[in-house]
Amino acid sequence: ASQDSLFQLWNYIVYRNDVAIDTVSDTVYVDEELPVGNYTYYVAAVYQSGLVSETNTVDVAIADMTVYTVRLSVNLPEARLSLDTGVYNRAAGQVFEVEALPEENRLVFEHWLIDGQETVDSLVLHRVVEADLSVLAVFDYVEYPVSVSREGQGELNWEGDSVARAGSEWQLEATAAEHWLFSHWVVNGDSSTYLSFMLDFVLETSMEIKAVFVE
């Protein structure tokens, strides 16, 4: 608490087992994601002049903590989270936080399963760790209706109504009957663009498709 401006406190350097691990201005420090074990801490004062007083030990602590495992997984291979799936270690009382990242028009987030029990459906899971946890993020595929029909005489490799997964790849082929010609596809009302007898698309929305044959 020197009145000399050169020796006024600037910040602290936190040491764990004689290795500097962080620089802080607060007098309360939490060492996150620490594996189980015994650790010795001390804090060095850094002054305005740049002088570092490593002999000025503020506090010495021994940490011997209970550590739990959090097993994080997803139910679909395409699903993404803010953390990689796998096993995480957390000391008792620490927070485990992860966010589900649904993909627009492809995947929707449903809910979290904690040790097999359904929990709230918020995207962010924030849980104080007090025991081993199994965390499963449950997603589902977005699906869209697809209707395929024809006008005139000809064959299609697929025809009818269906519900299909978003992102699925489609290839439709139109074969005209004798004395008929394929003219075009009508796709969601557009009859000017799709003129090839082969129609390829990736499903991103509901589709109404009609193959038009002319005599």
C-alpha atoms as a PDB file:
ATOM      1  CA  ALA A   1       0.000   0.000   0.000  1.00  0.00           C
ATOM      2  CA  SER A   2       2.870   2.354  -0.833  1.00  0.00           C
ATOM      3  CA  GLN A   3       2.130   6.024  -1.467  1.00  0.00           C
ATOM      4  CA  ASP A   4       4.986   6.106  -3.955  1.00  0.00           C
ATOM      5  CA  SER A   5       3.426   5.860  -7.452  1.00  0.00           C
ATOM      6  CA  LEU A   6       6.247   3.586  -8.596  1.00  0.00           C
ATOM      7  CA  PHE A   7       5.286   1.027  -5.996  1.00  0.00           C
ATOM      8  CA  GLN A   8       1.525   1.143  -6.242  1.00  0.00           C
ATOM      9  CA  LEU A   9       0.053  -2.267  -6.991  1.00  0.00           C
ATOM     10  CA  TRP A  10      -0.627  -3.014 -10.678  1.00  0.00           C
ATOM     11  CA  ASN A  11      -1.802  -6.638 -10.702  1.00  0.00           C
ATOM     12  CA  TYR A  12      -0.969 -10.135  -9.465  1.00  0.00           C
ATOM     13  CA  ILE A  13       0.728 -13.144 -11.028  1.00  0.00           C
ATOM     14  CA  VAL A  14      -0.699 -16.472  -9.895  1.00  0.00           C
ATOM     15  CA  TYR A  15       1.748 -19.383  -9.563  1.00  0.00           C
ATOM     16  CA  ARG A  16       0.829 -23.033  -9.321  1.00  0.00           C
ATOM     17  CA  ASN A  17       3.653 -25.353  -8.302  1.00  0.00           C
ATOM     18  CA  ASP A  18       6.143 -22.531  -9.053  1.00  0.00           C
ATOM     19  CA  VAL A  19       4.813 -22.049 -12.604  1.00  0.00           C
ATOM     20  CA  ALA A  20       3.074 -18.797 -13.558  1.00  0.00           C
ATOM     21  CA  ILE A  21      -0.413 -19.680 -14.832  1.00  0.00           C
ATOM     22  CA  ASP A  22      -2.305 -16.366 -14.969  1.00  0.00           C
ATOM     23  CA  THR A  23      -2.222 -12.597 -14.449  1.00  0.00           C
ATOM     24  CA  VAL A  24      -5.186 -11.138 -12.568  1.00  0.00           C
ATOM     25  CA  SER A  25      -6.339  -7.945 -10.913  1.00  0.00           C
ATOM     26  CA  ASP A  26      -8.853  -9.597  -8.591  1.00  0.00           C
ATOM     27  CA  THR A  27      -7.904 -11.068  -5.230  1.00  0.00           C
ATOM     28  CA  VAL A  28     -10.140 -14.094  -5.795  1.00  0.00           C
ATOM     29  CA  TYR A  29      -8.921 -16.658  -8.321  1.00  0.00           C
ATOM     30  CA  VAL A  30     -10.538 -19.909  -9.503  1.00  0.00           C
ATOM     31  CA  ASP A  31      -8.297 -22.470 -11.173  1.00  0.00           C
ATOM     32  CA  GLU A  32     -10.665 -24.054 -13.716  1.00  0.00           C
ATOM     33  CA  GLU A  33     -10.516 -27.596 -15.102  1.00  0.00           C
ATOM     34  CA  LEU A  34      -7.880 -28.753 -12.646  1.00  0.00           C
ATOM     35  CA  PRO A  35      -7.163 -32.499 -12.562  1.00  0.00           C
ATOM     36  CA  VAL A  36      -7.113 -34.290  -9.244  1.00  0.00           C
ATOM     37  CA  GLY A  37      -3.960 -33.826  -7.172  1.00  0.00           C
ATOM     38  CA  ASN A  38      -2.118 -31.652  -4.659  1.00  0.00           C
ATOM     39  CA  TYR A  39      -1.064 -28.130  -5.648  1.00  0.00           C
ATOM     40  CA  THR A  40       0.831 -25.280  -4.008  1.00  0.00           C
ATOM     41  CA  TYR A  41      -0.108 -21.696  -4.918  1.00  0.00           C
ATOM     42  CA  TYR A  42       1.388 -18.318  -4.268  1.00  0.00           C
ATOM     43  CA  VAL A  43       0.780 -14.865  -5.683  1.00  0.00           C
ATOM     44  CA  ALA A  44       3.382 -12.315  -6.751  1.00  0.00           C
ATOM     45  CA  ALA A  45       2.628  -8.598  -6.644  1.00  0.00           C
ATOM     46  CA  VAL A  46       3.416  -6.550  -9.752  1.00  0.00           C
ATOM     47  CA  TYR A  47       3.905  -2.800  -9.170  1.00  0.00           C
ATOM     48  CA  GLN A  48       3.477   0.240 -11.425  1.00  0.00           C
ATOM     49  CA  SER A  49       7.231   0.454 -11.852  1.00  0.00           C
ATOM     50  CA  GLY A  50       7.310  -3.055 -13.304  1.00  0.00           C
ATOM     51  CA  LEU A  51       8.972  -4.489 -10.214  1.00  0.00           C
ATOM     52  CA  VAL A  52       7.759  -7.982  -9.388  1.00  0.00           C
ATOM     53  CA  SER A  53       7.850  -9.086  -5.778  1.00  0.00           C
ATOM     54  CA  GLU A  54       7.926 -12.876  -5.936  1.00  0.00           C
ATOM     55  CA  THR A  55       8.978 -13.158  -2.316  1.00  0.00           C
ATOM     56  CA  ASN A  56       5.804 -11.443  -1.146  1.00  0.00           C
ATOM     57  CA  THR A  57       3.701 -14.582  -0.706  1.00  0.00           C
ATOM     58  CA  VAL A  58       0.057 -13.591  -0.347  1.00  0.00           C
ATOM     59  CA  ASP A  59      -1.349 -17.038   0.245  1.00  0.00           C
ATOM     60  CA  VAL A  60      -0.403 -20.695   0.148  1.00  0.00           C
ATOM     61  CA  ALA A  61      -3.064 -23.340  -0.472  1.00  0.00           C
ATOM     62  CA  ILE A  62      -3.194 -27.079  -0.901  1.00  0.00           C
ATOM     63  CA  ALA A  63      -5.950 -28.367  -3.177  1.00  0.00           C
ATOM     64  CA  ASP A  64      -7.025 -31.980  -2.839  1.00  0.00           C
ATOM     65  CA  MET A  65     -10.245 -32.204  -4.763  1.00  0.00           C
ATOM     66  CA  THR A  66     -12.787 -34.791  -5.737  1.00  0.00           C
ATOM     67  CA  VAL A  67     -12.989 -34.951  -9.529  1.00  0.00           C
ATOM     68  CA  TYR A  68     -15.930 -36.337 -11.486  1.00  0.00           C
ATOM     69  CA  THR A  69     -16.211 -37.325 -15.148  1.00  0.00           C
ATOM     70  CA  VAL A  70     -18.746 -35.897 -17.589  1.00  0.00           C
ATOM     71  CA  ARG A  71     -19.344 -38.073 -20.648  1.00  0.00           C
ATOM     72  CA  LEU A  72     -20.679 -35.938 -23.496  1.00  0.00           C
ATOM     73  CA  SER A  73     -22.290 -37.461 -26.601  1.00  0.00           C
ATOM     74  CA  VAL A  74     -24.840 -36.822 -29.359  1.00  0.00           C
ATOM     75  CA  ASN A  75     -27.474 -39.105 -30.854  1.00  0.00           C
ATOM     76  CA  LEU A  76     -26.810 -38.168 -34.509  1.00  0.00           C
ATOM     77  CA  PRO A  77     -23.415 -38.122 -36.226  1.00  0.00           C
ATOM     78  CA  GLU A  78     -24.163 -34.782 -37.953  1.00  0.00           C
ATOM     79  CA  ALA A  79     -25.046 -33.001 -34.700  1.00  0.00           C
ATOM     80  CA  ARG A  80     -22.689 -30.314 -33.406  1.00  0.00           C
ATOM     81  CA  LEU A  81     -22.033 -28.940 -29.911  1.00  0.00           C
ATOM     82  CA  SER A  82     -19.902 -26.104 -28.566  1.00  0.00           C
ATOM     83  CA  LEU A  83     -17.649 -28.803 -27.025  1.00  0.00           C
ATOM     84  CA  ASP A  84     -16.267 -31.921 -28.659  1.00  0.00           C
ATOM     85  CA  THR A  85     -17.888 -35.146 -27.593  1.00  0.00           C
ATOM     86  CA  GLY A  86     -15.855 -37.198 -25.141  1.00  0.00           C
ATOM     87  CA  VAL A  87     -14.967 -37.334 -21.455  1.00  0.00           C
ATOM     88  CA  TYR A  88     -14.376 -34.199 -19.361  1.00  0.00           C
ATOM     89  CA  ASN A  89     -13.046 -33.955 -15.813  1.00  0.00           C
ATOM     90  CA  ARG A  90     -14.617 -31.471 -13.425  1.00  0.00           C
ATOM     91  CA  ALA A  91     -13.866 -30.892  -9.763  1.00  0.00           C
ATOM     92  CA  ALA A  92     -16.775 -31.156  -7.361  1.00  0.00           C
ATOM     93  CA  GLY A  93     -18.714 -27.898  -7.430  1.00  0.00           C
ATOM     94  CA  GLN A  94     -17.417 -26.754 -10.790  1.00  0.00           C
ATOM     95  CA  VAL A  95     -19.792 -25.900 -13.624  1.00  0.00           C
ATOM     96  CA  PHE A  96     -20.099 -27.906 -16.821  1.00  0.00           C
ATOM     97  CA  GLU A  97     -21.585 -25.854 -19.646  1.00  0.00           C
ATOM     98  CA  VAL A  98     -22.227 -26.873 -23.233  1.00  0.00           C
ATOM     99  CA  GLU A  99     -24.409 -25.483 -26.027  1.00  0.00           C
ATOM    100  CA  ALA A 100     -26.301 -27.413 -28.694  1.00  0.00           C
ATOM    101  CA  LEU A 101     -25.827 -26.015 -32.210  1.00  0.00           C
ATOM    102  CA  PRO A 102     -28.764 -26.984 -34.421  1.00  0.00           C
ATOM    103  CA  GLU A 103     -28.349 -26.554 -38.173  1.00  0.00           C
ATOM    104  CA  GLU A 104     -30.956 -24.455 -39.952  1.00  0.00           C
ATOM    105  CA  ASN A 105     -33.146 -26.514 -42.291  1.00  0.00           C
ATOM    106  CA  ARG A 106     -31.250 -29.695 -41.388  1.00  0.00           C
ATOM    107  CA  LEU A 107     -31.253 -30.519 -37.662  1.00  0.00           C
ATOM    108  CA  VAL A 108     -33.408 -29.411 -34.747  1.00  0.00           C
ATOM    109  CA  PHE A 109     -32.442 -29.746 -31.097  1.00  0.00           C
ATOM    110  CA  GLU A 110     -34.878 -31.702 -28.938  1.00  0.00           C
ATOM    111  CA  HIS A 111     -33.523 -31.934 -25.370  1.00  0.00           C
ATOM    112  CA  TRP A 112     -30.695 -33.096 -23.122  1.00  0.00           C
ATOM    113  CA  LEU A 113     -30.607 -36.484 -21.425  1.00  0.00           C
ATOM    114  CA  ILE A 114     -28.769 -36.450 -18.100  1.00  0.00           C
ATOM    115  CA  ASP A 115     -28.059 -39.970 -16.893  1.00  0.00           C
ATOM    116  CA  GLY A 116     -30.896 -41.158 -19.113  1.00  0.00           C
ATOM    117  CA  GLN A 117     -33.449 -38.670 -17.773  1.00  0.00           C
ATOM    118  CA  GLU A 118     -34.932 -35.981 -20.031  1.00  0.00           C
ATOM    119  CA  THR A 119     -34.219 -32.426 -18.936  1.00  0.00           C
ATOM    120  CA  VAL A 120     -35.153 -28.954 -20.160  1.00  0.00           C
ATOM    121  CA  ASP A 121     -34.950 -28.272 -23.890  1.00  0.00           C
ATOM    122  CA  SER A 122     -32.894 -25.070 -23.717  1.00  0.00           C
ATOM    123  CA  LEU A 123     -29.927 -24.983 -26.077  1.00  0.00           C
ATOM    124  CA  VAL A 124     -27.444 -24.291 -23.263  1.00  0.00           C
ATOM    125  CA  LEU A 125     -26.900 -26.867 -20.527  1.00  0.00           C
ATOM    126  CA  HIS A 126     -25.465 -25.355 -17.325  1.00  0.00           C
ATOM    127  CA  ARG A 127     -24.917 -27.910 -14.595  1.00  0.00           C
ATOM    128  CA  VAL A 128     -22.977 -27.863 -11.296  1.00  0.00           C
ATOM    129  CA  VAL A 129     -21.037 -31.129 -11.143  1.00  0.00           C
ATOM    130  CA  GLU A 130     -21.673 -33.091  -7.975  1.00  0.00           C
ATOM    131  CA  ALA A 131     -21.279 -36.630  -9.351  1.00  0.00           C
ATOM    132  CA  ASP A 132     -20.289 -38.466 -12.526  1.00  0.00           C
ATOM    133  CA  LEU A 133     -22.603 -37.429 -15.369  1.00  0.00           C
ATOM    134  CA  SER A 134     -23.665 -38.865 -18.699  1.00  0.00           C
ATOM    135  CA  VAL A 135     -24.854 -36.058 -20.994  1.00  0.00           C
ATOM    136  CA  LEU A 136     -26.564 -36.885 -24.289  1.00  0.00           C
ATOM    137  CA  ALA A 137     -27.709 -34.162 -26.699  1.00  0.00           C
ATOM    138  CA  VAL A 138     -30.778 -35.331 -28.615  1.00  0.00           C
ATOM    139  CA  PHE A 139     -31.359 -33.933 -32.098  1.00  0.00           C
ATOM    140  CA  ASP A 140     -33.816 -34.823 -34.854  1.00  0.00           C
ATOM    141  CA  TYR A 141     -33.753 -34.409 -38.604  1.00  0.00           C
ATOM    142  CA  VAL A 142     -35.864 -31.755 -40.293  1.00  0.00           C
ATOM    143  CA  GLU A 143     -38.224 -33.375 -42.788  1.00  0.00           C
ATOM    144  CA  TYR A 144     -40.156 -31.935 -45.739  1.00  0.00           C
ATOM    145  CA  PRO A 145     -43.030 -33.296 -47.846  1.00  0.00           C
ATOM    146  CA  VAL A 146     -42.258 -34.213 -51.456  1.00  0.00           C
ATOM    147  CA  SER A 147     -44.957 -34.749 -54.066  1.00  0.00           C
ATOM    148  CA  VAL A 148     -44.033 -36.153 -57.498  1.00  0.00           C
ATOM    149  CA  SER A 149     -46.613 -36.497 -60.289  1.00  0.00           C
ATOM    150  CA  ARG A 150     -46.880 -36.436 -64.094  1.00  0.00           C
ATOM    151  CA  GLU A 151     -48.953 -34.890 -66.844  1.00  0.00           C
ATOM    152  CA  GLY A 152     -49.223 -36.834 -70.106  1.00  0.00           C
ATOM    153  CA  GLN A 153     -47.890 -40.279 -70.780  1.00  0.00           C
ATOM    154  CA  GLY A 154     -44.498 -41.414 -69.569  1.00  0.00           C
ATOM    155  CA  GLU A 155     -42.675 -43.195 -66.781  1.00  0.00           C
ATOM    156  CA  LEU A 156     -40.959 -41.777 -63.693  1.00  0.00           C
ATOM    157  CA  ASN A 157     -38.393 -43.618 -61.600  1.00  0.00           C
ATOM    158  CA  TRP A 158     -40.287 -42.405 -58.543  1.00  0.00           C
ATOM    159  CA  GLU A 159     -43.829 -41.099 -58.185  1.00  0.00           C
ATOM    160  CA  GLY A 160     -46.107 -40.373 -55.264  1.00  0.00           C
ATOM    161  CA  ASP A 161     -46.131 -38.489 -51.976  1.00  0.00           C
ATOM    162  CA  SER A 162     -43.488 -38.839 -49.308  1.00  0.00           C
ATOM    163  CA  VAL A 163     -41.817 -37.126 -46.376  1.00  0.00           C
ATOM    164  CA  ALA A 164     -38.035 -36.985 -46.712  1.00  0.00           C
ATOM    165  CA  ARG A 165     -35.084 -35.806 -44.670  1.00  0.00           C
ATOM    166  CA  ALA A 166     -33.697 -32.336 -45.298  1.00  0.00           C
ATOM    167  CA  GLY A 167     -30.375 -32.543 -47.092  1.00  0.00           C
ATOM    168  CA  SER A 168     -31.263 -35.792 -48.877  1.00  0.00           C
ATOM    169  CA  GLU A 169     -30.176 -35.992 -52.510  1.00  0.00           C
ATOM    170  CA  TRP A 170     -32.783 -36.690 -55.169  1.00  0.00           C
ATOM    171  CA  GLN A 171     -32.450 -37.730 -58.795  1.00  0.00           C
ATOM    172  CA  LEU A 172     -35.640 -38.043 -60.806  1.00  0.00           C
ATOM    173  CA  GLU A 173     -35.739 -39.381 -64.361  1.00  0.00           C
ATOM    174  CA  ALA A 174     -38.597 -39.001 -66.826  1.00  0.00           C
ATOM    175  CA  THR A 175     -39.011 -41.426 -69.763  1.00  0.00           C
ATOM    176  CA  ALA A 176     -41.618 -40.546 -72.391  1.00  0.00           C
ATOM    177  CA  ALA A 177     -44.039 -43.166 -73.668  1.00  0.00           C
ATOM    178  CA  GLU A 178     -44.222 -44.056 -77.360  1.00  0.00           C
ATOM    179  CA  HIS A 179     -45.450 -41.104 -79.451  1.00  0.00           C
ATOM    180  CA  TRP A 180     -44.821 -38.766 -76.498  1.00  0.00           C
ATOM    181  CA  LEU A 181     -41.942 -36.415 -75.635  1.00  0.00           C
ATOM    182  CA  PHE A 182     -40.713 -35.153 -72.313  1.00  0.00           C
ATOM    183  CA  SER A 183     -41.279 -31.366 -72.151  1.00  0.00           C
ATOM    184  CA  HIS A 184     -40.239 -30.048 -68.718  1.00  0.00           C
ATOM    185  CA  TRP A 185     -40.581 -30.298 -64.960  1.00  0.00           C
ATOM    186  CA  VAL A 186     -42.801 -27.995 -62.950  1.00  0.00           C
ATOM    187  CA  VAL A 187     -41.026 -27.479 -59.603  1.00  0.00           C
ATOM    188  CA  ASN A 188     -42.930 -25.501 -56.971  1.00  0.00           C
ATOM    189  CA  GLY A 189     -44.740 -23.645 -59.731  1.00  0.00           C
ATOM    190  CA  ASP A 190     -41.653 -22.922 -61.855  1.00  0.00           C
ATOM    191  CA  SER A 191     -42.038 -24.416 -65.332  1.00  0.00           C
ATOM    192  CA  SER A 192     -39.325 -22.460 -67.170  1.00  0.00           C
ATOM    193  CA  THR A 193     -36.101 -23.703 -65.587  1.00  0.00           C
ATOM    194  CA  TYR A 194     -36.125 -27.478 -65.424  1.00  0.00           C
ATOM    195  CA  LEU A 195     -35.962 -28.701 -69.031  1.00  0.00           C
ATOM    196  CA  SER A 196     -33.735 -31.785 -68.771  1.00  0.00           C
ATOM    197  CA  PHE A 197     -35.380 -35.192 -68.415  1.00  0.00           C
ATOM    198  CA  MET A 198     -33.042 -35.690 -65.385  1.00  0.00           C
ATOM    199  CA  LEU A 199     -33.828 -33.623 -62.304  1.00  0.00           C
ATOM    200  CA  ASP A 200     -31.234 -33.473 -59.503  1.00  0.00           C
ATOM    201  CA  PHE A 201     -31.716 -31.544 -56.266  1.00  0.00           C
ATOM    202  CA  VAL A 202     -30.902 -31.508 -52.567  1.00  0.00           C
ATOM    203  CA  LEU A 203     -34.028 -31.282 -50.444  1.00  0.00           C
ATOM    204  CA  GLU A 204     -34.063 -27.953 -48.580  1.00  0.00           C
ATOM    205  CA  THR A 205     -37.788 -27.185 -48.512  1.00  0.00           C
ATOM    206  CA  SER A 206     -41.131 -28.804 -49.317  1.00  0.00           C
ATOM    207  CA  MET A 207     -41.354 -29.765 -53.001  1.00  0.00           C
ATOM    208  CA  GLU A 208     -44.199 -30.194 -55.480  1.00  0.00           C
ATOM    209  CA  ILE A 209     -42.823 -31.658 -58.692  1.00  0.00           C
ATOM    210  CA  LYS A 210     -44.630 -32.589 -61.899  1.00  0.00           C
ATOM    211  CA  ALA A 211     -43.166 -34.100 -65.070  1.00  0.00           C
ATOM    212  CA  VAL A 212     -44.890 -32.818 -68.208  1.00  0.00           C
ATOM    213  CA  PHE A 213     -45.037 -34.966 -71.359  1.00  0.00           C
ATOM    214  CA  VAL A 214     -46.458 -33.767 -74.672  1.00  0.00           C
ATOM    215  CA  GLU A 215     -47.925 -35.909 -77.446  1.00  0.00           C
END
